[in-house]
Amino acid sequence: MIEKAVNQLAEKILNLDEASLAGLWEKYKDRMERFEASRDWERAVVVFFIINAVRAKNHIFNERVAAMQNQPPGAAGRRQDKPNLVRVK
């Protein structure tokens, strides 16, 4: 049940636009930095990290897509260097 709920949250978060979230980043960063023992503060921390998670996901995604586009045809999945293997006896 918890896994289903978390996956549903992830699906909703993936539908959020990073540009729209970027406008909220500063607000939630400031709110998070002003600690108080309250549910509102806890919610602000979660929102702040959701925004950062979406930004990190998009950064990684864009890097990988760019790297894939820069590979010569037929090179996908092939290593260019020797594998880092050590003989163990």
PDB file of N, CA and C in Angstrom:
ATOM      1  N   MET A   1       0.825  -1.196   0.000  1.00  0.00           N
ATOM      2  CA  MET A   1       0.000   0.000   0.000  1.00  0.00           C
ATOM      3  C   MET A   1       0.872   1.264   0.000  1.00  0.00           C
ATOM      4  N   ILE A   2       1.927   1.271   0.817  1.00  0.00           N
ATOM      5  CA  ILE A   2       2.799   2.454   0.870  1.00  0.00           C
ATOM      6  C   ILE A   2       3.533   2.639  -0.453  1.00  0.00           C
ATOM      7  N   GLU A   3       3.949   1.522  -1.066  1.00  0.00           N
ATOM      8  CA  GLU A   3       4.646   1.617  -2.344  1.00  0.00           C
ATOM      9  C   GLU A   3       3.725   2.199  -3.416  1.00  0.00           C
ATOM     10  N   LYS A   4       2.480   1.787  -3.408  1.00  0.00           N
ATOM     11  CA  LYS A   4       1.515   2.315  -4.373  1.00  0.00           C
ATOM     12  C   LYS A   4       1.325   3.823  -4.173  1.00  0.00           C
ATOM     13  N   ALA A   5       1.218   4.244  -2.921  1.00  0.00           N
ATOM     14  CA  ALA A   5       1.045   5.669  -2.625  1.00  0.00           C
ATOM     15  C   ALA A   5       2.256   6.477  -3.074  1.00  0.00           C
ATOM     16  N   VAL A   6       3.453   5.957  -2.822  1.00  0.00           N
ATOM     17  CA  VAL A   6       4.677   6.662  -3.202  1.00  0.00           C
ATOM     18  C   VAL A   6       4.791   6.741  -4.723  1.00  0.00           C
ATOM     19  N   ASN A   7       4.435   5.661  -5.405  1.00  0.00           N
ATOM     20  CA  ASN A   7       4.468   5.680  -6.870  1.00  0.00           C
ATOM     21  C   ASN A   7       3.459   6.659  -7.442  1.00  0.00           C
ATOM     22  N   GLN A   8       2.301   6.771  -6.816  1.00  0.00           N
ATOM     23  CA  GLN A   8       1.308   7.749  -7.265  1.00  0.00           C
ATOM     24  C   GLN A   8       1.821   9.177  -7.061  1.00  0.00           C
ATOM     25  N   LEU A   9       2.491   9.413  -5.921  1.00  0.00           N
ATOM     26  CA  LEU A   9       3.101  10.726  -5.691  1.00  0.00           C
ATOM     27  C   LEU A   9       4.158  11.028  -6.743  1.00  0.00           C
ATOM     28  N   ALA A  10       4.983  10.038  -7.041  1.00  0.00           N
ATOM     29  CA  ALA A  10       6.035  10.224  -8.048  1.00  0.00           C
ATOM     30  C   ALA A  10       5.420  10.571  -9.402  1.00  0.00           C
ATOM     31  N   GLU A  11       4.349   9.902  -9.757  1.00  0.00           N
ATOM     32  CA  GLU A  11       3.689  10.183 -11.037  1.00  0.00           C
ATOM     33  C   GLU A  11       3.168  11.618 -11.077  1.00  0.00           C
ATOM     34  N   LYS A  12       2.578  12.072  -9.989  1.00  0.00           N
ATOM     35  CA  LYS A  12       2.087  13.456  -9.924  1.00  0.00           C
ATOM     36  C   LYS A  12       3.246  14.446 -10.017  1.00  0.00           C
ATOM     37  N   ILE A  13       4.342  14.141  -9.319  1.00  0.00           N
ATOM     38  CA  ILE A  13       5.514  15.026  -9.325  1.00  0.00           C
ATOM     39  C   ILE A  13       6.122  15.095 -10.721  1.00  0.00           C
ATOM     40  N   LEU A  14       6.163  13.960 -11.429  1.00  0.00           N
ATOM     41  CA  LEU A  14       6.720  13.949 -12.784  1.00  0.00           C
ATOM     42  C   LEU A  14       5.903  14.798 -13.750  1.00  0.00           C
ATOM     43  N   ASN A  15       4.652  15.052 -13.430  1.00  0.00           N
ATOM     44  CA  ASN A  15       3.811  15.883 -14.282  1.00  0.00           C
ATOM     45  C   ASN A  15       3.978  17.378 -14.005  1.00  0.00           C
ATOM     46  N   LEU A  16       4.757  17.718 -12.970  1.00  0.00           N
ATOM     47  CA  LEU A  16       4.986  19.125 -12.649  1.00  0.00           C
ATOM     48  C   LEU A  16       6.056  19.700 -13.571  1.00  0.00           C
ATOM     49  N   ASP A  17       5.912  20.962 -13.897  1.00  0.00           N
ATOM     50  CA  ASP A  17       6.840  21.650 -14.779  1.00  0.00           C
ATOM     51  C   ASP A  17       7.976  22.264 -13.966  1.00  0.00           C
ATOM     52  N   GLU A  18       9.225  21.954 -14.359  1.00  0.00           N
ATOM     53  CA  GLU A  18      10.380  22.468 -13.618  1.00  0.00           C
ATOM     54  C   GLU A  18      10.409  23.992 -13.605  1.00  0.00           C
ATOM     55  N   ALA A  19      10.035  24.615 -14.696  1.00  0.00           N
ATOM     56  CA  ALA A  19      10.062  26.081 -14.757  1.00  0.00           C
ATOM     57  C   ALA A  19       9.098  26.680 -13.732  1.00  0.00           C
ATOM     58  N   SER A  20       7.949  26.079 -13.573  1.00  0.00           N
ATOM     59  CA  SER A  20       6.994  26.565 -12.575  1.00  0.00           C
ATOM     60  C   SER A  20       7.519  26.327 -11.168  1.00  0.00           C
ATOM     61  N   LEU A  21       8.150  25.178 -10.961  1.00  0.00           N
ATOM     62  CA  LEU A  21       8.706  24.864  -9.644  1.00  0.00           C
ATOM     63  C   LEU A  21       9.862  25.783  -9.294  1.00  0.00           C
ATOM     64  N   ALA A  22      10.631  26.193 -10.294  1.00  0.00           N
ATOM     65  CA  ALA A  22      11.794  27.046 -10.051  1.00  0.00           C
ATOM     66  C   ALA A  22      11.388  28.349  -9.367  1.00  0.00           C
ATOM     67  N   GLY A  23      10.222  28.846  -9.693  1.00  0.00           N
ATOM     68  CA  GLY A  23       9.730  30.070  -9.072  1.00  0.00           C
ATOM     69  C   GLY A  23       9.420  29.896  -7.591  1.00  0.00           C
ATOM     70  N   LEU A  24       9.212  28.673  -7.172  1.00  0.00           N
ATOM     71  CA  LEU A  24       8.897  28.402  -5.768  1.00  0.00           C
ATOM     72  C   LEU A  24      10.138  28.046  -4.942  1.00  0.00           C
ATOM     73  N   TRP A  25      11.251  27.780  -5.610  1.00  0.00           N
ATOM     74  CA  TRP A  25      12.450  27.292  -4.931  1.00  0.00           C
ATOM     75  C   TRP A  25      12.908  28.230  -3.818  1.00  0.00           C
ATOM     76  N   GLU A  26      13.037  29.498  -4.124  1.00  0.00           N
ATOM     77  CA  GLU A  26      13.526  30.489  -3.151  1.00  0.00           C
ATOM     78  C   GLU A  26      12.567  30.592  -1.955  1.00  0.00           C
ATOM     79  N   LYS A  27      11.281  30.600  -2.221  1.00  0.00           N
ATOM     80  CA  LYS A  27      10.274  30.696  -1.155  1.00  0.00           C
ATOM     81  C   LYS A  27      10.438  29.538  -0.166  1.00  0.00           C
ATOM     82  N   TYR A  28      10.539  28.316  -0.685  1.00  0.00           N
ATOM     83  CA  TYR A  28      10.623  27.156   0.203  1.00  0.00           C
ATOM     84  C   TYR A  28      12.000  27.004   0.832  1.00  0.00           C
ATOM     85  N   LYS A  29      13.025  27.486   0.164  1.00  0.00           N
ATOM     86  CA  LYS A  29      14.366  27.500   0.763  1.00  0.00           C
ATOM     87  C   LYS A  29      14.364  28.416   1.978  1.00  0.00           C
ATOM     88  N   ASP A  30      13.812  29.616   1.815  1.00  0.00           N
ATOM     89  CA  ASP A  30      13.736  30.566   2.930  1.00  0.00           C
ATOM     90  C   ASP A  30      12.888  30.004   4.069  1.00  0.00           C
ATOM     91  N   ARG A  31      11.780  29.404   3.721  1.00  0.00           N
ATOM     92  CA  ARG A  31      10.886  28.841   4.745  1.00  0.00           C
ATOM     93  C   ARG A  31      11.580  27.706   5.493  1.00  0.00           C
ATOM     94  N   MET A  32      12.298  26.879   4.782  1.00  0.00           N
ATOM     95  CA  MET A  32      12.988  25.760   5.393  1.00  0.00           C
ATOM     96  C   MET A  32      14.081  26.251   6.354  1.00  0.00           C
ATOM     97  N   GLU A  33      14.765  27.316   5.984  1.00  0.00           N
ATOM     98  CA  GLU A  33      15.853  27.844   6.805  1.00  0.00           C
ATOM     99  C   GLU A  33      15.358  28.484   8.104  1.00  0.00           C
ATOM    100  N   ARG A  34      14.095  28.860   8.162  1.00  0.00           N
ATOM    101  CA  ARG A  34      13.514  29.428   9.388  1.00  0.00           C
ATOM    102  C   ARG A  34      12.828  28.310  10.169  1.00  0.00           C
ATOM    103  N   PHE A  35      13.629  27.541  10.887  1.00  0.00           N
ATOM    104  CA  PHE A  35      13.102  26.366  11.587  1.00  0.00           C
ATOM    105  C   PHE A  35      12.067  26.737  12.639  1.00  0.00           C
ATOM    106  N   GLU A  36      11.056  25.928  12.686  1.00  0.00           N
ATOM    107  CA  GLU A  36      10.116  25.923  13.805  1.00  0.00           C
ATOM    108  C   GLU A  36       9.526  24.520  13.852  1.00  0.00           C
ATOM    109  N   ALA A  37       9.225  24.083  15.014  1.00  0.00           N
ATOM    110  CA  ALA A  37       8.696  22.728  15.191  1.00  0.00           C
ATOM    111  C   ALA A  37       7.215  22.719  14.834  1.00  0.00           C
ATOM    112  N   SER A  38       6.951  22.692  13.525  1.00  0.00           N
ATOM    113  CA  SER A  38       5.560  22.709  13.077  1.00  0.00           C
ATOM    114  C   SER A  38       5.397  21.853  11.826  1.00  0.00           C
ATOM    115  N   ARG A  39       4.181  21.486  11.563  1.00  0.00           N
ATOM    116  CA  ARG A  39       3.854  20.707  10.373  1.00  0.00           C
ATOM    117  C   ARG A  39       4.105  21.539   9.112  1.00  0.00           C
ATOM    118  N   ASP A  40       3.868  22.844   9.191  1.00  0.00           N
ATOM    119  CA  ASP A  40       4.115  23.716   8.036  1.00  0.00           C
ATOM    120  C   ASP A  40       5.589  23.721   7.649  1.00  0.00           C
ATOM    121  N   TRP A  41       6.477  23.770   8.659  1.00  0.00           N
ATOM    122  CA  TRP A  41       7.906  23.729   8.376  1.00  0.00           C
ATOM    123  C   TRP A  41       8.279  22.400   7.735  1.00  0.00           C
ATOM    124  N   GLU A  42       7.763  21.293   8.277  1.00  0.00           N
ATOM    125  CA  GLU A  42       8.046  19.974   7.718  1.00  0.00           C
ATOM    126  C   GLU A  42       7.584  19.878   6.263  1.00  0.00           C
ATOM    127  N   ARG A  43       6.411  20.407   5.980  1.00  0.00           N
ATOM    128  CA  ARG A  43       5.880  20.397   4.617  1.00  0.00           C
ATOM    129  C   ARG A  43       6.768  21.226   3.694  1.00  0.00           C
ATOM    130  N   ALA A  44       7.256  22.365   4.181  1.00  0.00           N
ATOM    131  CA  ALA A  44       8.144  23.222   3.379  1.00  0.00           C
ATOM    132  C   ALA A  44       9.438  22.488   3.032  1.00  0.00           C
ATOM    133  N   VAL A  45       9.983  21.722   3.976  1.00  0.00           N
ATOM    134  CA  VAL A  45      11.199  20.957   3.716  1.00  0.00           C
ATOM    135  C   VAL A  45      10.941  19.913   2.630  1.00  0.00           C
ATOM    136  N   VAL A  46       9.818  19.225   2.717  1.00  0.00           N
ATOM    137  CA  VAL A  46       9.487  18.204   1.717  1.00  0.00           C
ATOM    138  C   VAL A  46       9.317  18.848   0.348  1.00  0.00           C
ATOM    139  N   VAL A  47       8.614  19.973   0.272  1.00  0.00           N
ATOM    140  CA  VAL A  47       8.415  20.668  -1.005  1.00  0.00           C
ATOM    141  C   VAL A  47       9.764  21.105  -1.579  1.00  0.00           C
ATOM    142  N   PHE A  48      10.637  21.654  -0.736  1.00  0.00           N
ATOM    143  CA  PHE A  48      11.954  22.093  -1.186  1.00  0.00           C
ATOM    144  C   PHE A  48      12.721  20.934  -1.822  1.00  0.00           C
ATOM    145  N   PHE A  49      12.696  19.773  -1.174  1.00  0.00           N
ATOM    146  CA  PHE A  49      13.433  18.634  -1.715  1.00  0.00           C
ATOM    147  C   PHE A  49      12.748  18.019  -2.930  1.00  0.00           C
ATOM    148  N   ILE A  50      11.442  18.137  -3.038  1.00  0.00           N
ATOM    149  CA  ILE A  50      10.756  17.696  -4.258  1.00  0.00           C
ATOM    150  C   ILE A  50      11.213  18.552  -5.433  1.00  0.00           C
ATOM    151  N   ILE A  51      11.263  19.865  -5.214  1.00  0.00           N
ATOM    152  CA  ILE A  51      11.724  20.772  -6.275  1.00  0.00           C
ATOM    153  C   ILE A  51      13.144  20.405  -6.686  1.00  0.00           C
ATOM    154  N   ASN A  52      14.022  20.179  -5.713  1.00  0.00           N
ATOM    155  CA  ASN A  52      15.401  19.804  -6.026  1.00  0.00           C
ATOM    156  C   ASN A  52      15.471  18.459  -6.723  1.00  0.00           C
ATOM    157  N   ALA A  53      14.614  17.529  -6.348  1.00  0.00           N
ATOM    158  CA  ALA A  53      14.605  16.209  -6.985  1.00  0.00           C
ATOM    159  C   ALA A  53      14.221  16.324  -8.459  1.00  0.00           C
ATOM    160  N   VAL A  54      13.233  17.140  -8.760  1.00  0.00           N
ATOM    161  CA  VAL A  54      12.818  17.330 -10.155  1.00  0.00           C
ATOM    162  C   VAL A  54      13.947  17.997 -10.942  1.00  0.00           C
ATOM    163  N   ARG A  55      14.603  18.976 -10.350  1.00  0.00           N
ATOM    164  CA  ARG A  55      15.719  19.644 -11.023  1.00  0.00           C
ATOM    165  C   ARG A  55      16.866  18.669 -11.281  1.00  0.00           C
ATOM    166  N   ALA A  56      17.201  17.856 -10.288  1.00  0.00           N
ATOM    167  CA  ALA A  56      18.287  16.878 -10.446  1.00  0.00           C
ATOM    168  C   ALA A  56      17.921  15.840 -11.499  1.00  0.00           C
ATOM    169  N   LYS A  57      16.706  15.352 -11.470  1.00  0.00           N
ATOM    170  CA  LYS A  57      16.248  14.360 -12.457  1.00  0.00           C
ATOM    171  C   LYS A  57      16.358  14.924 -13.861  1.00  0.00           C
ATOM    172  N   ASN A  58      15.914  16.149 -14.057  1.00  0.00           N
ATOM    173  CA  ASN A  58      15.972  16.762 -15.382  1.00  0.00           C
ATOM    174  C   ASN A  58      17.417  16.996 -15.829  1.00  0.00           C
ATOM    175  N   HIS A  59      18.276  17.380 -14.896  1.00  0.00           N
ATOM    176  CA  HIS A  59      19.693  17.589 -15.227  1.00  0.00           C
ATOM    177  C   HIS A  59      20.332  16.284 -15.696  1.00  0.00           C
ATOM    178  N   ILE A  60      20.121  15.218 -14.943  1.00  0.00           N
ATOM    179  CA  ILE A  60      20.676  13.911 -15.312  1.00  0.00           C
ATOM    180  C   ILE A  60      20.108  13.454 -16.647  1.00  0.00           C
ATOM    181  N   PHE A  61      18.801  13.604 -16.823  1.00  0.00           N
ATOM    182  CA  PHE A  61      18.140  13.200 -18.066  1.00  0.00           C
ATOM    183  C   PHE A  61      18.742  13.942 -19.253  1.00  0.00           C
ATOM    184  N   ASN A  62      18.877  15.260 -19.124  1.00  0.00           N
ATOM    185  CA  ASN A  62      19.415  16.066 -20.224  1.00  0.00           C
ATOM    186  C   ASN A  62      20.866  15.711 -20.540  1.00  0.00           C
ATOM    187  N   GLU A  63      21.662  15.448 -19.501  1.00  0.00           N
ATOM    188  CA  GLU A  63      23.057  15.033 -19.726  1.00  0.00           C
ATOM    189  C   GLU A  63      23.114  13.720 -20.497  1.00  0.00           C
ATOM    190  N   ARG A  64      22.297  12.773 -20.109  1.00  0.00           N
ATOM    191  CA  ARG A  64      22.311  11.457 -20.753  1.00  0.00           C
ATOM    192  C   ARG A  64      21.832  11.537 -22.197  1.00  0.00           C
ATOM    193  N   VAL A  65      20.795  12.315 -22.439  1.00  0.00           N
ATOM    194  CA  VAL A  65      20.303  12.472 -23.814  1.00  0.00           C
ATOM    195  C   VAL A  65      21.373  13.126 -24.676  1.00  0.00           C
ATOM    196  N   ALA A  66      22.027  14.153 -24.151  1.00  0.00           N
ATOM    197  CA  ALA A  66      23.091  14.825 -24.904  1.00  0.00           C
ATOM    198  C   ALA A  66      24.240  13.869 -25.188  1.00  0.00           C
ATOM    199  N   ALA A  67      24.596  13.056 -24.203  1.00  0.00           N
ATOM    200  CA  ALA A  67      25.687  12.091 -24.398  1.00  0.00           C
ATOM    201  C   ALA A  67      25.307  11.059 -25.455  1.00  0.00           C
ATOM    202  N   MET A  68      24.075  10.634 -25.459  1.00  0.00           N
ATOM    203  CA  MET A  68      23.623   9.655 -26.452  1.00  0.00           C
ATOM    204  C   MET A  68      23.648  10.257 -27.855  1.00  0.00           C
ATOM    205  N   GLN A  69      23.340  11.529 -27.972  1.00  0.00           N
ATOM    206  CA  GLN A  69      23.316  12.182 -29.282  1.00  0.00           C
ATOM    207  C   GLN A  69      24.725  12.416 -29.813  1.00  0.00           C
ATOM    208  N   ASN A  70      25.711  12.466 -28.935  1.00  0.00           N
ATOM    209  CA  ASN A  70      27.094  12.706 -29.346  1.00  0.00           C
ATOM    210  C   ASN A  70      27.850  11.432 -29.673  1.00  0.00           C
ATOM    211  N   GLN A  71      27.243  10.269 -29.468  1.00  0.00           N
ATOM    212  CA  GLN A  71      27.903   9.002 -29.771  1.00  0.00           C
ATOM    213  C   GLN A  71      27.812   8.717 -31.266  1.00  0.00           C
ATOM    214  N   PRO A  72      28.871   8.141 -31.836  1.00  0.00           N
ATOM    215  CA  PRO A  72      28.778   7.747 -33.242  1.00  0.00           C
ATOM    216  C   PRO A  72      27.785   6.595 -33.399  1.00  0.00           C
ATOM    217  N   PRO A  73      27.171   6.458 -34.565  1.00  0.00           N
ATOM    218  CA  PRO A  73      26.207   5.376 -34.777  1.00  0.00           C
ATOM    219  C   PRO A  73      26.830   4.008 -34.504  1.00  0.00           C
ATOM    220  N   GLY A  74      26.083   3.148 -33.857  1.00  0.00           N
ATOM    221  CA  GLY A  74      26.552   1.802 -33.566  1.00  0.00           C
ATOM    222  C   GLY A  74      27.398   1.698 -32.317  1.00  0.00           C
ATOM    223  N   ALA A  75      27.692   2.828 -31.662  1.00  0.00           N
ATOM    224  CA  ALA A  75      28.554   2.792 -30.483  1.00  0.00           C
ATOM    225  C   ALA A  75      27.756   2.643 -29.190  1.00  0.00           C
ATOM    226  N   ALA A  76      26.459   2.671 -29.273  1.00  0.00           N
ATOM    227  CA  ALA A  76      25.638   2.578 -28.066  1.00  0.00           C
ATOM    228  C   ALA A  76      25.890   1.262 -27.350  1.00  0.00           C
ATOM    229  N   GLY A  77      26.131   1.357 -26.067  1.00  0.00           N
ATOM    230  CA  GLY A  77      26.324   0.171 -25.255  1.00  0.00           C
ATOM    231  C   GLY A  77      27.731  -0.387 -25.264  1.00  0.00           C
ATOM    232  N   ARG A  78      28.610   0.154 -26.082  1.00  0.00           N
ATOM    233  CA  ARG A  78      29.999  -0.319 -26.135  1.00  0.00           C
ATOM    234  C   ARG A  78      30.886   0.580 -25.301  1.00  0.00           C
ATOM    235  N   ARG A  79      31.785  -0.024 -24.554  1.00  0.00           N
ATOM    236  CA  ARG A  79      32.765   0.751 -23.790  1.00  0.00           C
ATOM    237  C   ARG A  79      33.919   1.123 -24.703  1.00  0.00           C
ATOM    238  N   GLN A  80      34.424   2.309 -24.524  1.00  0.00           N
ATOM    239  CA  GLN A  80      35.544   2.771 -25.333  1.00  0.00           C
ATOM    240  C   GLN A  80      36.884   2.347 -24.741  1.00  0.00           C
ATOM    241  N   ASP A  81      36.908   2.124 -23.424  1.00  0.00           N
ATOM    242  CA  ASP A  81      38.160   1.755 -22.769  1.00  0.00           C
ATOM    243  C   ASP A  81      38.079   0.308 -22.289  1.00  0.00           C
ATOM    244  N   LYS A  82      39.201  -0.177 -21.778  1.00  0.00           N
ATOM    245  CA  LYS A  82      39.238  -1.535 -21.264  1.00  0.00           C
ATOM    246  C   LYS A  82      38.464  -1.602 -19.952  1.00  0.00           C
ATOM    247  N   PRO A  83      37.805  -2.730 -19.676  1.00  0.00           N
ATOM    248  CA  PRO A  83      37.114  -2.849 -18.391  1.00  0.00           C
ATOM    249  C   PRO A  83      38.116  -2.865 -17.246  1.00  0.00           C
ATOM    250  N   ASN A  84      37.723  -2.333 -16.135  1.00  0.00           N
ATOM    251  CA  ASN A  84      38.584  -2.253 -14.960  1.00  0.00           C
ATOM    252  C   ASN A  84      38.432  -3.540 -14.154  1.00  0.00           C
ATOM    253  N   LEU A  85      39.087  -4.616 -14.612  1.00  0.00           N
ATOM    254  CA  LEU A  85      39.009  -5.922 -13.978  1.00  0.00           C
ATOM    255  C   LEU A  85      40.320  -6.255 -13.300  1.00  0.00           C
ATOM    256  N   VAL A  86      40.235  -6.958 -12.188  1.00  0.00           N
ATOM    257  CA  VAL A  86      41.413  -7.389 -11.455  1.00  0.00           C
ATOM    258  C   VAL A  86      41.318  -8.889 -11.272  1.00  0.00           C
ATOM    259  N   ARG A  87      42.403  -9.586 -11.507  1.00  0.00           N
ATOM    260  CA  ARG A  87      42.421 -11.031 -11.335  1.00  0.00           C
ATOM    261  C   ARG A  87      42.508 -11.352  -9.848  1.00  0.00           C
ATOM    262  N   VAL A  88      41.592 -12.193  -9.374  1.00  0.00           N
ATOM    263  CA  VAL A  88      41.556 -12.585  -7.979  1.00  0.00           C
ATOM    264  C   VAL A  88      41.841 -14.074  -7.890  1.00  0.00           C
ATOM    265  N   LYS A  89      42.780 -14.446  -7.035  1.00  0.00           N
ATOM    266  CA  LYS A  89      43.111 -15.873  -6.856  1.00  0.00           C
ATOM    267  C   LYS A  89      42.637 -16.359  -5.516  1.00  0.00           C
TER     268      LYS A  89
END
